[in-house]
Amino acid sequence: MDLRLFKSQSLDKLKEGFKMVTSKKLFLVLTLFLLATMILGGCAKNSGEPGNPSTPKEEQKTDTQKILLNQIVQLAEQGKIINCEFPVEKTVIDTVEEKWGKPDKVDYVAQAKGSYATYGKHKVVFGFNKGSQIFDVRSFDDNVKQITMSKVKEVLGKPGNTLQYDTEDMLVYQAGENYELLFIFPKATQQEADPKLDHYNVFYPRGTVNLMADDPGISYLQGTAKTKATNRYEVAGIDDAAAFEAIFTTVQGLVKKDDKSQVAQYILYPIHVSIDGKKTKINNETDFVKYYDQIFNEKVKKALIQQDVNKTFVNYQGVMVGDGEIWFTAAPDKGHKYYIYAVNNS
C-alpha cells in the first residue's frame, strides 16, 4: 500500500473519532444544563405555593394594623383619639360645639357618670361631666374596625385589665399618667374566635370623681370604682377636685377666645390689679370688661393657657398659675364655687 494513502486514511479515521468524542461531550453538557434549568425553575415556582411564609400583601396588612395601634397609643397619652383634635381633661364640650356644631344627640348615662354627645359624621362620641369637661372620647373610625383582639395583645402586650360584659369584652391599658385606653370588642364566637374592634376610648378617670357626693369615680383599669380618690387641692379649701379642674379648663378656653364677658363671671370681686402701673380696685364685671386687655395682658393669658392643671402649685392660699400670674380659690357661697381672686399683671 502506498504510504501516502495509508497516512491519509489514518488521518480521516482520527478526525471521525474526534468528532464523535466531541459530540458526546457536547450532548452531556447540554443535558446537564437542561436538568439544572428544570430544577431551578421548579424551586422558583414552588416558592409561591401554599405552606410558605405570608405573602407581601399579608405582611403589609399586618404592618398597617401595628402602625395604627402605635399611633393610637401615642395619641392616647395626649388624651386624644385618631382624627380628632379635642383631648379629654383639657376640653369642654362647648369648644367642640363651636367647631363641629351641635351633636346629633346627647344622652345622659348615669352608670358612666356623665352625658354623651354623638357626632355621627365624625364617628366620634364625647362623654362630659356636669362641669362640661370631657372625660371620655370614643372613636368609631372605619380604620380601627379592622384591628383584631389578638393583634392588640401582640402589639401592646398583656392588658392591665380585661372586663367581660354580656355582649362585649374590654381590654384596658394605661395611657400615660392620667388616662386609660379602652378597646371594646364584640364577644368571641365559634364563627369569629378573634373578633375585630368595635370602637376604642380614651378615658380620664378623674373626670368622673365627685367628692361632694362621696363618689370616687370610675377606673376601668381597676375594674370598678376607685376605693378612694385623692384631692391634691384640699389644702386650698377646694373639696371637689373634678369640679375645680372642669372650671379651670373652662376659664382657659374662655381666655383663649378672649371672651371678656364670660371670663368676668369667674372673677371674685373686688379684685386688685395693676392699671397703667397703679394698683386699682375692680369692683364688678363691668369694670373688669372695661379694663380686660390691661388686666389680662399677653403675659397673664399665656401663663393661663399653657398651664397644665395637674402641675399647678397648691397651698393654703389657693391654686397658683404660672409664676403667680393668677390665683384660684374656693368660694362655696358663690354660683361657680371656684374663682380667680388674684391677677398679678404688673
C-alpha atoms as a PDB file:
ATOM      1  CA  MET A   1       0.000   0.000   0.000  1.00  0.00           C
ATOM      2  CA  ASP A   2       1.155   3.421  -0.798  1.00  0.00           C
ATOM      3  CA  LEU A   3       2.451   5.118   2.324  1.00  0.00           C
ATOM      4  CA  ARG A   4       0.760   8.429   1.482  1.00  0.00           C
ATOM      5  CA  LEU A   5      -2.592   6.676   1.047  1.00  0.00           C
ATOM      6  CA  PHE A   6      -2.168   4.924   4.413  1.00  0.00           C
ATOM      7  CA  LYS A   7      -1.425   8.211   6.175  1.00  0.00           C
ATOM      8  CA  SER A   8      -4.442   9.869   4.562  1.00  0.00           C
ATOM      9  CA  GLN A   9      -6.808   7.086   5.622  1.00  0.00           C
ATOM     10  CA  SER A  10      -5.440   7.084   9.186  1.00  0.00           C
ATOM     11  CA  LEU A  11      -5.900  10.846   9.435  1.00  0.00           C
ATOM     12  CA  ASP A  12      -9.515  10.598   8.290  1.00  0.00           C
ATOM     13  CA  LYS A  13     -10.258   7.986  10.955  1.00  0.00           C
ATOM     14  CA  LEU A  14      -8.722  10.149  13.657  1.00  0.00           C
ATOM     15  CA  LYS A  15     -10.900  13.120  12.609  1.00  0.00           C
ATOM     16  CA  GLU A  16     -14.038  10.988  12.677  1.00  0.00           C
ATOM     17  CA  GLY A  17     -13.140   9.685  16.153  1.00  0.00           C
ATOM     18  CA  PHE A  18     -12.515  13.198  17.411  1.00  0.00           C
ATOM     19  CA  LYS A  19     -15.896  14.359  16.079  1.00  0.00           C
ATOM     20  CA  MET A  20     -17.669  11.503  17.865  1.00  0.00           C
ATOM     21  CA  VAL A  21     -15.971  12.260  21.198  1.00  0.00           C
ATOM     22  CA  THR A  22     -16.723  15.979  20.842  1.00  0.00           C
ATOM     23  CA  SER A  23     -20.392  15.293  20.057  1.00  0.00           C
ATOM     24  CA  LYS A  24     -20.758  13.073  23.119  1.00  0.00           C
ATOM     25  CA  LYS A  25     -19.228  15.732  25.381  1.00  0.00           C
ATOM     26  CA  LEU A  26     -21.451  18.427  23.917  1.00  0.00           C
ATOM     27  CA  PHE A  27     -24.504  16.231  24.411  1.00  0.00           C
ATOM     28  CA  LEU A  28     -23.536  15.600  28.031  1.00  0.00           C
ATOM     29  CA  VAL A  29     -23.037  19.320  28.716  1.00  0.00           C
ATOM     30  CA  LEU A  30     -26.386  20.234  27.149  1.00  0.00           C
ATOM     31  CA  THR A  31     -28.131  17.508  29.136  1.00  0.00           C
ATOM     32  CA  LEU A  32     -26.691  18.756  32.434  1.00  0.00           C
ATOM     33  CA  PHE A  33     -27.635  22.356  31.575  1.00  0.00           C
ATOM     34  CA  LEU A  34     -31.262  21.414  30.849  1.00  0.00           C
ATOM     35  CA  LEU A  35     -31.528  19.439  34.097  1.00  0.00           C
ATOM     36  CA  ALA A  36     -30.183  22.374  36.115  1.00  0.00           C
ATOM     37  CA  THR A  37     -32.651  24.765  34.455  1.00  0.00           C
ATOM     38  CA  MET A  38     -35.595  22.497  35.258  1.00  0.00           C
ATOM     39  CA  ILE A  39     -34.547  22.138  38.915  1.00  0.00           C
ATOM     40  CA  LEU A  40     -34.071  25.872  39.417  1.00  0.00           C
ATOM     41  CA  GLY A  41     -37.328  26.650  37.641  1.00  0.00           C
ATOM     42  CA  GLY A  42     -39.185  24.201  39.850  1.00  0.00           C
ATOM     43  CA  CYS A  43     -37.788  25.829  43.006  1.00  0.00           C
ATOM     44  CA  ALA A  44     -38.805  29.278  41.850  1.00  0.00           C
ATOM     45  CA  LYS A  45     -42.293  28.039  41.066  1.00  0.00           C
ATOM     46  CA  ASN A  46     -42.701  26.336  44.432  1.00  0.00           C
ATOM     47  CA  SER A  47     -41.716  29.472  46.385  1.00  0.00           C
ATOM     48  CA  GLY A  48     -45.214  30.947  45.961  1.00  0.00           C
ATOM     49  CA  GLU A  49     -47.162  27.780  46.780  1.00  0.00           C
ATOM     50  CA  PRO A  50     -49.243  27.290  49.971  1.00  0.00           C
ATOM     51  CA  GLY A  51     -47.343  26.414  53.121  1.00  0.00           C
ATOM     52  CA  ASN A  52     -44.702  29.089  52.639  1.00  0.00           C
ATOM     53  CA  PRO A  53     -44.365  32.269  54.797  1.00  0.00           C
ATOM     54  CA  SER A  54     -47.005  35.030  54.455  1.00  0.00           C
ATOM     55  CA  THR A  55     -47.133  36.894  51.182  1.00  0.00           C
ATOM     56  CA  PRO A  56     -46.063  40.563  50.955  1.00  0.00           C
ATOM     57  CA  LYS A  57     -49.740  41.548  50.831  1.00  0.00           C
ATOM     58  CA  GLU A  58     -50.440  39.778  54.151  1.00  0.00           C
ATOM     59  CA  GLU A  59     -47.333  41.283  55.753  1.00  0.00           C
ATOM     60  CA  GLN A  60     -48.418  44.753  54.614  1.00  0.00           C
ATOM     61  CA  LYS A  61     -51.848  44.238  56.208  1.00  0.00           C
ATOM     62  CA  THR A  62     -50.234  43.184  59.495  1.00  0.00           C
ATOM     63  CA  ASP A  63     -47.849  46.136  59.478  1.00  0.00           C
ATOM     64  CA  THR A  64     -50.730  48.543  58.845  1.00  0.00           C
ATOM     65  CA  GLN A  65     -52.516  47.361  61.995  1.00  0.00           C
ATOM     66  CA  LYS A  66     -49.313  47.663  64.018  1.00  0.00           C
ATOM     67  CA  ILE A  67     -48.646  51.193  62.767  1.00  0.00           C
ATOM     68  CA  LEU A  68     -52.228  52.226  63.575  1.00  0.00           C
ATOM     69  CA  LEU A  69     -52.053  50.748  67.074  1.00  0.00           C
ATOM     70  CA  ASN A  70     -48.810  52.573  67.800  1.00  0.00           C
ATOM     71  CA  GLN A  71     -50.429  55.812  66.616  1.00  0.00           C
ATOM     72  CA  ILE A  72     -53.442  55.147  68.853  1.00  0.00           C
ATOM     73  CA  VAL A  73     -51.187  54.701  71.887  1.00  0.00           C
ATOM     74  CA  GLN A  74     -49.148  57.842  71.173  1.00  0.00           C
ATOM     75  CA  LEU A  75     -52.287  59.981  70.861  1.00  0.00           C
ATOM     76  CA  ALA A  76     -53.919  58.354  73.897  1.00  0.00           C
ATOM     77  CA  GLU A  77     -51.017  59.509  76.060  1.00  0.00           C
ATOM     78  CA  GLN A  78     -52.021  63.045  74.997  1.00  0.00           C
ATOM     79  CA  GLY A  79     -55.670  62.351  75.812  1.00  0.00           C
ATOM     80  CA  LYS A  80     -56.655  62.148  72.131  1.00  0.00           C
ATOM     81  CA  ILE A  81     -58.068  59.660  69.624  1.00  0.00           C
ATOM     82  CA  ILE A  82     -57.250  59.491  65.912  1.00  0.00           C
ATOM     83  CA  ASN A  83     -58.804  62.084  63.589  1.00  0.00           C
ATOM     84  CA  CYS A  84     -59.933  64.276  66.484  1.00  0.00           C
ATOM     85  CA  GLU A  85     -58.221  67.383  67.868  1.00  0.00           C
ATOM     86  CA  PHE A  86     -60.073  67.531  71.198  1.00  0.00           C
ATOM     87  CA  PRO A  87     -58.308  65.877  74.170  1.00  0.00           C
ATOM     88  CA  VAL A  88     -60.063  64.666  77.295  1.00  0.00           C
ATOM     89  CA  GLU A  89     -59.471  66.621  80.530  1.00  0.00           C
ATOM     90  CA  LYS A  90     -58.385  69.831  78.743  1.00  0.00           C
ATOM     91  CA  THR A  91     -61.509  70.324  76.577  1.00  0.00           C
ATOM     92  CA  VAL A  92     -65.070  71.352  77.405  1.00  0.00           C
ATOM     93  CA  ILE A  93     -67.982  70.294  75.217  1.00  0.00           C
ATOM     94  CA  ASP A  94     -68.666  73.941  74.296  1.00  0.00           C
ATOM     95  CA  THR A  95     -65.353  74.050  72.422  1.00  0.00           C
ATOM     96  CA  VAL A  96     -66.378  71.031  70.347  1.00  0.00           C
ATOM     97  CA  GLU A  97     -69.753  72.592  69.516  1.00  0.00           C
ATOM     98  CA  GLU A  98     -68.071  75.793  68.356  1.00  0.00           C
ATOM     99  CA  LYS A  99     -66.027  73.889  65.757  1.00  0.00           C
ATOM    100  CA  TRP A 100     -68.224  70.900  64.905  1.00  0.00           C
ATOM    101  CA  GLY A 101     -71.658  72.335  65.604  1.00  0.00           C
ATOM    102  CA  LYS A 102     -74.396  70.776  67.719  1.00  0.00           C
ATOM    103  CA  PRO A 103     -74.178  66.993  68.242  1.00  0.00           C
ATOM    104  CA  ASP A 104     -76.656  64.619  66.617  1.00  0.00           C
ATOM    105  CA  LYS A 105     -77.884  63.663  70.080  1.00  0.00           C
ATOM    106  CA  VAL A 106     -76.964  63.912  73.763  1.00  0.00           C
ATOM    107  CA  ASP A 107     -77.770  61.101  76.209  1.00  0.00           C
ATOM    108  CA  TYR A 108     -77.255  61.091  79.962  1.00  0.00           C
ATOM    109  CA  VAL A 109     -75.716  57.813  81.151  1.00  0.00           C
ATOM    110  CA  ALA A 110     -75.882  57.552  84.942  1.00  0.00           C
ATOM    111  CA  GLN A 111     -73.655  54.476  85.080  1.00  0.00           C
ATOM    112  CA  ALA A 112     -70.951  56.347  83.160  1.00  0.00           C
ATOM    113  CA  LYS A 113     -71.434  59.444  85.361  1.00  0.00           C
ATOM    114  CA  GLY A 114     -71.970  61.894  82.525  1.00  0.00           C
ATOM    115  CA  SER A 115     -73.667  62.895  79.295  1.00  0.00           C
ATOM    116  CA  TYR A 116     -72.613  61.581  75.893  1.00  0.00           C
ATOM    117  CA  ALA A 117     -72.693  63.688  72.716  1.00  0.00           C
ATOM    118  CA  THR A 118     -72.707  61.790  69.422  1.00  0.00           C
ATOM    119  CA  TYR A 119     -71.177  63.211  66.225  1.00  0.00           C
ATOM    120  CA  GLY A 120     -72.102  60.653  63.555  1.00  0.00           C
ATOM    121  CA  LYS A 121     -70.366  62.450  60.690  1.00  0.00           C
ATOM    122  CA  HIS A 122     -67.064  62.394  62.567  1.00  0.00           C
ATOM    123  CA  LYS A 123     -67.688  58.925  64.057  1.00  0.00           C
ATOM    124  CA  VAL A 124     -66.814  60.284  67.494  1.00  0.00           C
ATOM    125  CA  VAL A 125     -68.684  60.313  70.818  1.00  0.00           C
ATOM    126  CA  PHE A 126     -67.757  62.625  73.720  1.00  0.00           C
ATOM    127  CA  GLY A 127     -68.560  61.971  77.377  1.00  0.00           C
ATOM    128  CA  PHE A 128     -68.651  65.076  79.606  1.00  0.00           C
ATOM    129  CA  ASN A 129     -69.399  65.781  83.264  1.00  0.00           C
ATOM    130  CA  LYS A 130     -71.536  68.430  84.993  1.00  0.00           C
ATOM    131  CA  GLY A 131     -68.760  70.976  84.573  1.00  0.00           C
ATOM    132  CA  SER A 132     -68.812  70.347  80.786  1.00  0.00           C
ATOM    133  CA  GLN A 133     -65.315  68.840  80.986  1.00  0.00           C
ATOM    134  CA  ILE A 134     -64.780  65.984  78.513  1.00  0.00           C
ATOM    135  CA  PHE A 135     -63.647  62.846  80.366  1.00  0.00           C
ATOM    136  CA  ASP A 136     -64.302  60.231  77.667  1.00  0.00           C
ATOM    137  CA  VAL A 137     -63.811  60.304  73.892  1.00  0.00           C
ATOM    138  CA  ARG A 138     -64.685  57.331  71.673  1.00  0.00           C
ATOM    139  CA  SER A 139     -63.622  56.533  68.116  1.00  0.00           C
ATOM    140  CA  PHE A 140     -65.801  54.509  65.730  1.00  0.00           C
ATOM    141  CA  ASP A 141     -63.474  55.223  62.785  1.00  0.00           C
ATOM    142  CA  ASP A 142     -63.674  52.645  59.975  1.00  0.00           C
ATOM    143  CA  ASN A 143     -59.916  52.052  60.076  1.00  0.00           C
ATOM    144  CA  VAL A 144     -59.921  50.798  63.665  1.00  0.00           C
ATOM    145  CA  LYS A 145     -62.620  48.235  62.897  1.00  0.00           C
ATOM    146  CA  GLN A 146     -60.052  46.057  61.095  1.00  0.00           C
ATOM    147  CA  ILE A 147     -57.949  45.584  64.237  1.00  0.00           C
ATOM    148  CA  THR A 148     -58.290  42.153  65.833  1.00  0.00           C
ATOM    149  CA  MET A 149     -58.139  41.328  69.527  1.00  0.00           C
ATOM    150  CA  SER A 150     -55.086  39.123  69.025  1.00  0.00           C
ATOM    151  CA  LYS A 151     -53.290  41.954  67.223  1.00  0.00           C
ATOM    152  CA  VAL A 152     -53.892  44.366  70.109  1.00  0.00           C
ATOM    153  CA  LYS A 153     -52.369  41.890  72.555  1.00  0.00           C
ATOM    154  CA  GLU A 154     -49.482  41.129  70.189  1.00  0.00           C
ATOM    155  CA  VAL A 155     -48.531  44.792  69.709  1.00  0.00           C
ATOM    156  CA  LEU A 156     -49.404  46.263  73.132  1.00  0.00           C
ATOM    157  CA  GLY A 157     -48.752  43.228  75.293  1.00  0.00           C
ATOM    158  CA  LYS A 158     -50.863  41.944  78.156  1.00  0.00           C
ATOM    159  CA  PRO A 159     -53.637  44.408  79.097  1.00  0.00           C
ATOM    160  CA  GLY A 160     -53.720  45.951  82.555  1.00  0.00           C
ATOM    161  CA  ASN A 161     -57.252  44.613  82.929  1.00  0.00           C
ATOM    162  CA  THR A 162     -59.822  42.634  80.943  1.00  0.00           C
ATOM    163  CA  LEU A 163     -63.520  43.245  81.564  1.00  0.00           C
ATOM    164  CA  GLN A 164     -66.230  40.910  80.296  1.00  0.00           C
ATOM    165  CA  TYR A 165     -69.808  42.020  79.730  1.00  0.00           C
ATOM    166  CA  ASP A 166     -72.886  40.332  78.269  1.00  0.00           C
ATOM    167  CA  THR A 167     -72.243  41.293  74.652  1.00  0.00           C
ATOM    168  CA  GLU A 168     -68.703  42.654  74.633  1.00  0.00           C
ATOM    169  CA  ASP A 169     -65.218  42.354  76.096  1.00  0.00           C
ATOM    170  CA  MET A 170     -62.903  45.223  77.009  1.00  0.00           C
ATOM    171  CA  LEU A 171     -59.100  45.331  77.037  1.00  0.00           C
ATOM    172  CA  VAL A 172     -57.773  48.124  79.279  1.00  0.00           C
ATOM    173  CA  TYR A 173     -54.308  49.709  79.095  1.00  0.00           C
ATOM    174  CA  GLN A 174     -52.684  52.601  80.939  1.00  0.00           C
ATOM    175  CA  ALA A 175     -52.025  55.619  78.683  1.00  0.00           C
ATOM    176  CA  GLY A 176     -49.517  57.974  80.260  1.00  0.00           C
ATOM    177  CA  GLU A 177     -50.038  59.044  83.868  1.00  0.00           C
ATOM    178  CA  ASN A 178     -53.629  60.254  83.712  1.00  0.00           C
ATOM    179  CA  TYR A 179     -55.546  58.324  81.066  1.00  0.00           C
ATOM    180  CA  GLU A 180     -56.834  54.849  80.261  1.00  0.00           C
ATOM    181  CA  LEU A 181     -57.032  53.288  76.792  1.00  0.00           C
ATOM    182  CA  LEU A 182     -60.045  51.005  76.291  1.00  0.00           C
ATOM    183  CA  PHE A 183     -60.529  48.572  73.377  1.00  0.00           C
ATOM    184  CA  ILE A 184     -64.099  47.264  73.066  1.00  0.00           C
ATOM    185  CA  PHE A 185     -64.744  44.061  71.085  1.00  0.00           C
ATOM    186  CA  PRO A 186     -67.900  42.028  70.439  1.00  0.00           C
ATOM    187  CA  LYS A 187     -67.983  38.669  72.209  1.00  0.00           C
ATOM    188  CA  ALA A 188     -65.907  35.955  70.552  1.00  0.00           C
ATOM    189  CA  THR A 189     -67.910  33.157  68.902  1.00  0.00           C
ATOM    190  CA  GLN A 190     -67.153  29.829  67.224  1.00  0.00           C
ATOM    191  CA  GLN A 191     -67.528  31.568  63.880  1.00  0.00           C
ATOM    192  CA  GLU A 192     -65.404  34.554  64.949  1.00  0.00           C
ATOM    193  CA  ALA A 193     -62.857  33.398  67.507  1.00  0.00           C
ATOM    194  CA  ASP A 194     -60.709  36.511  67.017  1.00  0.00           C
ATOM    195  CA  PRO A 195     -63.210  39.410  66.909  1.00  0.00           C
ATOM    196  CA  LYS A 196     -62.492  42.777  65.327  1.00  0.00           C
ATOM    197  CA  LEU A 197     -62.615  46.049  67.233  1.00  0.00           C
ATOM    198  CA  ASP A 198     -65.976  47.816  67.537  1.00  0.00           C
ATOM    199  CA  HIS A 199     -64.572  51.068  68.939  1.00  0.00           C
ATOM    200  CA  TYR A 200     -61.993  52.365  71.379  1.00  0.00           C
ATOM    201  CA  ASN A 201     -61.956  55.038  74.104  1.00  0.00           C
ATOM    202  CA  VAL A 202     -59.509  57.384  75.739  1.00  0.00           C
ATOM    203  CA  PHE A 203     -60.778  57.818  79.278  1.00  0.00           C
ATOM    204  CA  TYR A 204     -59.909  60.321  82.043  1.00  0.00           C
ATOM    205  CA  PRO A 205     -60.880  58.680  85.377  1.00  0.00           C
ATOM    206  CA  ARG A 206     -60.554  61.834  87.495  1.00  0.00           C
ATOM    207  CA  GLY A 207     -63.211  63.488  85.373  1.00  0.00           C
ATOM    208  CA  THR A 208     -65.792  61.146  86.947  1.00  0.00           C
ATOM    209  CA  VAL A 209     -64.889  61.963  90.561  1.00  0.00           C
ATOM    210  CA  ASN A 210     -67.471  63.787  92.696  1.00  0.00           C
ATOM    211  CA  LEU A 211     -66.184  64.301  96.221  1.00  0.00           C
ATOM    212  CA  MET A 212     -69.260  66.313  97.234  1.00  0.00           C
ATOM    213  CA  ALA A 213     -71.336  63.179  96.742  1.00  0.00           C
ATOM    214  CA  ASP A 214     -68.558  60.964  98.168  1.00  0.00           C
ATOM    215  CA  ASP A 215     -68.292  59.370  94.717  1.00  0.00           C
ATOM    216  CA  PRO A 216     -64.737  58.160  93.987  1.00  0.00           C
ATOM    217  CA  GLY A 217     -65.367  57.877  90.261  1.00  0.00           C
ATOM    218  CA  ILE A 218     -64.607  55.167  87.730  1.00  0.00           C
ATOM    219  CA  SER A 219     -61.391  53.398  86.816  1.00  0.00           C
ATOM    220  CA  TYR A 220     -61.648  50.632  84.213  1.00  0.00           C
ATOM    221  CA  LEU A 221     -58.038  49.744  84.886  1.00  0.00           C
ATOM    222  CA  GLN A 222     -59.026  48.816  88.434  1.00  0.00           C
ATOM    223  CA  GLY A 223     -62.215  47.195  87.199  1.00  0.00           C
ATOM    224  CA  THR A 224     -64.596  49.090  89.468  1.00  0.00           C
ATOM    225  CA  ALA A 225     -64.965  52.471  91.112  1.00  0.00           C
ATOM    226  CA  LYS A 226     -61.837  53.662  92.867  1.00  0.00           C
ATOM    227  CA  THR A 227     -61.710  52.889  96.562  1.00  0.00           C
ATOM    228  CA  LYS A 228     -60.903  56.490  97.468  1.00  0.00           C
ATOM    229  CA  ALA A 229     -59.989  59.423  95.286  1.00  0.00           C
ATOM    230  CA  THR A 230     -57.161  61.751  96.249  1.00  0.00           C
ATOM    231  CA  ASN A 231     -57.664  65.507  96.238  1.00  0.00           C
ATOM    232  CA  ARG A 232     -54.462  67.476  95.708  1.00  0.00           C
ATOM    233  CA  TYR A 233     -56.368  70.777  96.130  1.00  0.00           C
ATOM    234  CA  GLU A 234     -57.748  70.041  99.592  1.00  0.00           C
ATOM    235  CA  VAL A 235     -55.202  72.262 101.345  1.00  0.00           C
ATOM    236  CA  ALA A 236     -56.571  75.223  99.343  1.00  0.00           C
ATOM    237  CA  GLY A 237     -60.109  74.580 100.583  1.00  0.00           C
ATOM    238  CA  ILE A 238     -61.173  73.012  97.285  1.00  0.00           C
ATOM    239  CA  ASP A 239     -63.285  69.985  98.174  1.00  0.00           C
ATOM    240  CA  ASP A 240     -64.253  68.832  94.662  1.00  0.00           C
ATOM    241  CA  ALA A 241     -61.170  68.231  92.508  1.00  0.00           C
ATOM    242  CA  ALA A 242     -63.083  67.272  89.371  1.00  0.00           C
ATOM    243  CA  ALA A 243     -65.354  70.321  89.568  1.00  0.00           C
ATOM    244  CA  PHE A 244     -62.395  72.651  90.075  1.00  0.00           C
ATOM    245  CA  GLU A 245     -60.477  71.145  87.141  1.00  0.00           C
ATOM    246  CA  ALA A 246     -63.560  71.490  84.947  1.00  0.00           C
ATOM    247  CA  ILE A 247     -63.872  75.196  85.822  1.00  0.00           C
ATOM    248  CA  PHE A 248     -60.134  75.695  85.344  1.00  0.00           C
ATOM    249  CA  THR A 249     -60.406  74.181  81.853  1.00  0.00           C
ATOM    250  CA  THR A 250     -63.469  76.296  81.082  1.00  0.00           C
ATOM    251  CA  VAL A 251     -61.691  79.525  82.038  1.00  0.00           C
ATOM    252  CA  GLN A 252     -58.667  78.526  79.945  1.00  0.00           C
ATOM    253  CA  GLY A 253     -60.923  78.142  76.919  1.00  0.00           C
ATOM    254  CA  LEU A 254     -62.674  81.460  77.514  1.00  0.00           C
ATOM    255  CA  VAL A 255     -59.377  83.331  77.856  1.00  0.00           C
ATOM    256  CA  LYS A 256     -58.062  81.690  74.716  1.00  0.00           C
ATOM    257  CA  LYS A 257     -61.120  83.032  72.853  1.00  0.00           C
ATOM    258  CA  ASP A 258     -60.874  86.445  74.542  1.00  0.00           C
ATOM    259  CA  ASP A 259     -64.474  86.082  75.712  1.00  0.00           C
ATOM    260  CA  LYS A 260     -64.275  89.030  78.112  1.00  0.00           C
ATOM    261  CA  SER A 261     -67.810  88.983  79.472  1.00  0.00           C
ATOM    262  CA  GLN A 262     -67.658  85.250  80.247  1.00  0.00           C
ATOM    263  CA  VAL A 263     -64.226  85.473  81.888  1.00  0.00           C
ATOM    264  CA  ALA A 264     -65.580  88.307  84.042  1.00  0.00           C
ATOM    265  CA  GLN A 265     -68.067  85.858  85.593  1.00  0.00           C
ATOM    266  CA  TYR A 266     -65.206  83.798  87.051  1.00  0.00           C
ATOM    267  CA  ILE A 267     -63.600  86.689  88.963  1.00  0.00           C
ATOM    268  CA  LEU A 268     -64.077  87.024  92.721  1.00  0.00           C
ATOM    269  CA  TYR A 269     -64.843  90.737  93.301  1.00  0.00           C
ATOM    270  CA  PRO A 270     -63.471  93.037  94.454  1.00  0.00           C
ATOM    271  CA  ILE A 271     -60.074  92.253  92.946  1.00  0.00           C
ATOM    272  CA  HIS A 272     -56.924  94.411  92.981  1.00  0.00           C
ATOM    273  CA  VAL A 273     -54.950  94.657  89.730  1.00  0.00           C
ATOM    274  CA  SER A 274     -52.434  96.931  88.054  1.00  0.00           C
ATOM    275  CA  ILE A 275     -53.805  99.529  85.601  1.00  0.00           C
ATOM    276  CA  ASP A 276     -51.273 101.868  83.956  1.00  0.00           C
ATOM    277  CA  GLY A 277     -48.758 100.933  86.628  1.00  0.00           C
ATOM    278  CA  LYS A 278     -51.126 101.746  89.502  1.00  0.00           C
ATOM    279  CA  LYS A 279     -52.870  99.348  91.836  1.00  0.00           C
ATOM    280  CA  THR A 280     -56.553  99.535  91.007  1.00  0.00           C
ATOM    281  CA  LYS A 281     -59.594  98.007  92.681  1.00  0.00           C
ATOM    282  CA  ILE A 282     -62.041  96.343  90.279  1.00  0.00           C
ATOM    283  CA  ASN A 283     -65.459  96.034  91.908  1.00  0.00           C
ATOM    284  CA  ASN A 284     -67.644  94.344  89.300  1.00  0.00           C
ATOM    285  CA  GLU A 285     -67.910  92.648  85.908  1.00  0.00           C
ATOM    286  CA  THR A 286     -68.497  95.922  84.061  1.00  0.00           C
ATOM    287  CA  ASP A 287     -65.212  97.423  85.261  1.00  0.00           C
ATOM    288  CA  PHE A 288     -63.380  94.174  84.597  1.00  0.00           C
ATOM    289  CA  VAL A 289     -64.560  94.028  80.977  1.00  0.00           C
ATOM    290  CA  LYS A 290     -63.649  97.700  80.524  1.00  0.00           C
ATOM    291  CA  TYR A 291     -60.029  97.096  81.589  1.00  0.00           C
ATOM    292  CA  TYR A 292     -59.823  93.477  80.425  1.00  0.00           C
ATOM    293  CA  ASP A 293     -56.968  93.942  77.928  1.00  0.00           C
ATOM    294  CA  GLN A 294     -54.835  95.676  80.553  1.00  0.00           C
ATOM    295  CA  ILE A 295     -55.645  93.152  83.268  1.00  0.00           C
ATOM    296  CA  PHE A 296     -55.300  90.025  81.136  1.00  0.00           C
ATOM    297  CA  ASN A 297     -52.252  91.129  79.192  1.00  0.00           C
ATOM    298  CA  GLU A 298     -50.276  88.725  76.984  1.00  0.00           C
ATOM    299  CA  LYS A 299     -48.123  87.526  79.873  1.00  0.00           C
ATOM    300  CA  VAL A 300     -51.128  86.631  82.011  1.00  0.00           C
ATOM    301  CA  LYS A 301     -53.042  84.987  79.160  1.00  0.00           C
ATOM    302  CA  LYS A 302     -50.040  82.929  78.074  1.00  0.00           C
ATOM    303  CA  ALA A 303     -49.457  81.689  81.621  1.00  0.00           C
ATOM    304  CA  LEU A 304     -53.049  80.502  81.980  1.00  0.00           C
ATOM    305  CA  ILE A 305     -53.461  78.985  78.513  1.00  0.00           C
ATOM    306  CA  GLN A 306     -50.243  76.972  78.781  1.00  0.00           C
ATOM    307  CA  GLN A 307     -50.763  75.811  82.374  1.00  0.00           C
ATOM    308  CA  ASP A 308     -51.361  72.085  82.986  1.00  0.00           C
ATOM    309  CA  VAL A 309     -53.855  71.930  85.840  1.00  0.00           C
ATOM    310  CA  ASN A 310     -52.181  68.783  87.191  1.00  0.00           C
ATOM    311  CA  LYS A 311     -48.895  70.665  87.543  1.00  0.00           C
ATOM    312  CA  THR A 312     -50.201  73.712  89.385  1.00  0.00           C
ATOM    313  CA  PHE A 313     -48.694  74.756  92.716  1.00  0.00           C
ATOM    314  CA  VAL A 314     -51.189  74.428  95.578  1.00  0.00           C
ATOM    315  CA  ASN A 315     -51.048  75.765  99.141  1.00  0.00           C
ATOM    316  CA  TYR A 316     -53.402  77.256 101.744  1.00  0.00           C
ATOM    317  CA  GLN A 317     -53.603  80.467  99.653  1.00  0.00           C
ATOM    318  CA  GLY A 318     -55.076  78.711  96.627  1.00  0.00           C
ATOM    319  CA  VAL A 319     -54.009  77.275  93.270  1.00  0.00           C
ATOM    320  CA  MET A 320     -51.245  79.185  91.501  1.00  0.00           C
ATOM    321  CA  VAL A 321     -50.947  79.560  87.720  1.00  0.00           C
ATOM    322  CA  GLY A 322     -47.513  80.007  86.125  1.00  0.00           C
ATOM    323  CA  ASP A 323     -45.202  82.093  88.299  1.00  0.00           C
ATOM    324  CA  GLY A 324     -48.085  83.611  90.228  1.00  0.00           C
ATOM    325  CA  GLU A 325     -49.784  85.486  87.388  1.00  0.00           C
ATOM    326  CA  ILE A 326     -53.164  84.099  88.508  1.00  0.00           C
ATOM    327  CA  TRP A 327     -54.519  82.527  91.707  1.00  0.00           C
ATOM    328  CA  PHE A 328     -57.714  80.486  92.053  1.00  0.00           C
ATOM    329  CA  THR A 329     -59.625  79.922  95.285  1.00  0.00           C
ATOM    330  CA  ALA A 330     -62.814  78.326  96.568  1.00  0.00           C
ATOM    331  CA  ALA A 331     -65.946  80.413  97.134  1.00  0.00           C
ATOM    332  CA  PRO A 332     -68.629  77.926  98.281  1.00  0.00           C
ATOM    333  CA  ASP A 333     -71.311  80.593  98.648  1.00  0.00           C
ATOM    334  CA  LYS A 334     -70.936  81.747  95.026  1.00  0.00           C
ATOM    335  CA  GLY A 335     -72.514  80.331  91.889  1.00  0.00           C
ATOM    336  CA  HIS A 336     -69.453  78.846  90.189  1.00  0.00           C
ATOM    337  CA  LYS A 337     -67.854  77.823  93.510  1.00  0.00           C
ATOM    338  CA  TYR A 338     -64.260  78.359  92.264  1.00  0.00           C
ATOM    339  CA  TYR A 339     -62.918  81.736  91.137  1.00  0.00           C
ATOM    340  CA  ILE A 340     -59.861  83.800  90.208  1.00  0.00           C
ATOM    341  CA  TYR A 341     -59.136  86.035  93.193  1.00  0.00           C
ATOM    342  CA  ALA A 342     -55.742  87.496  92.216  1.00  0.00           C
ATOM    343  CA  VAL A 343     -54.124  88.644  88.958  1.00  0.00           C
ATOM    344  CA  ASN A 344     -50.504  89.775  89.004  1.00  0.00           C
ATOM    345  CA  ASN A 345     -50.240  91.580  85.694  1.00  0.00           C
ATOM    346  CA  SER A 346     -47.502  94.085  86.515  1.00  0.00           C
END
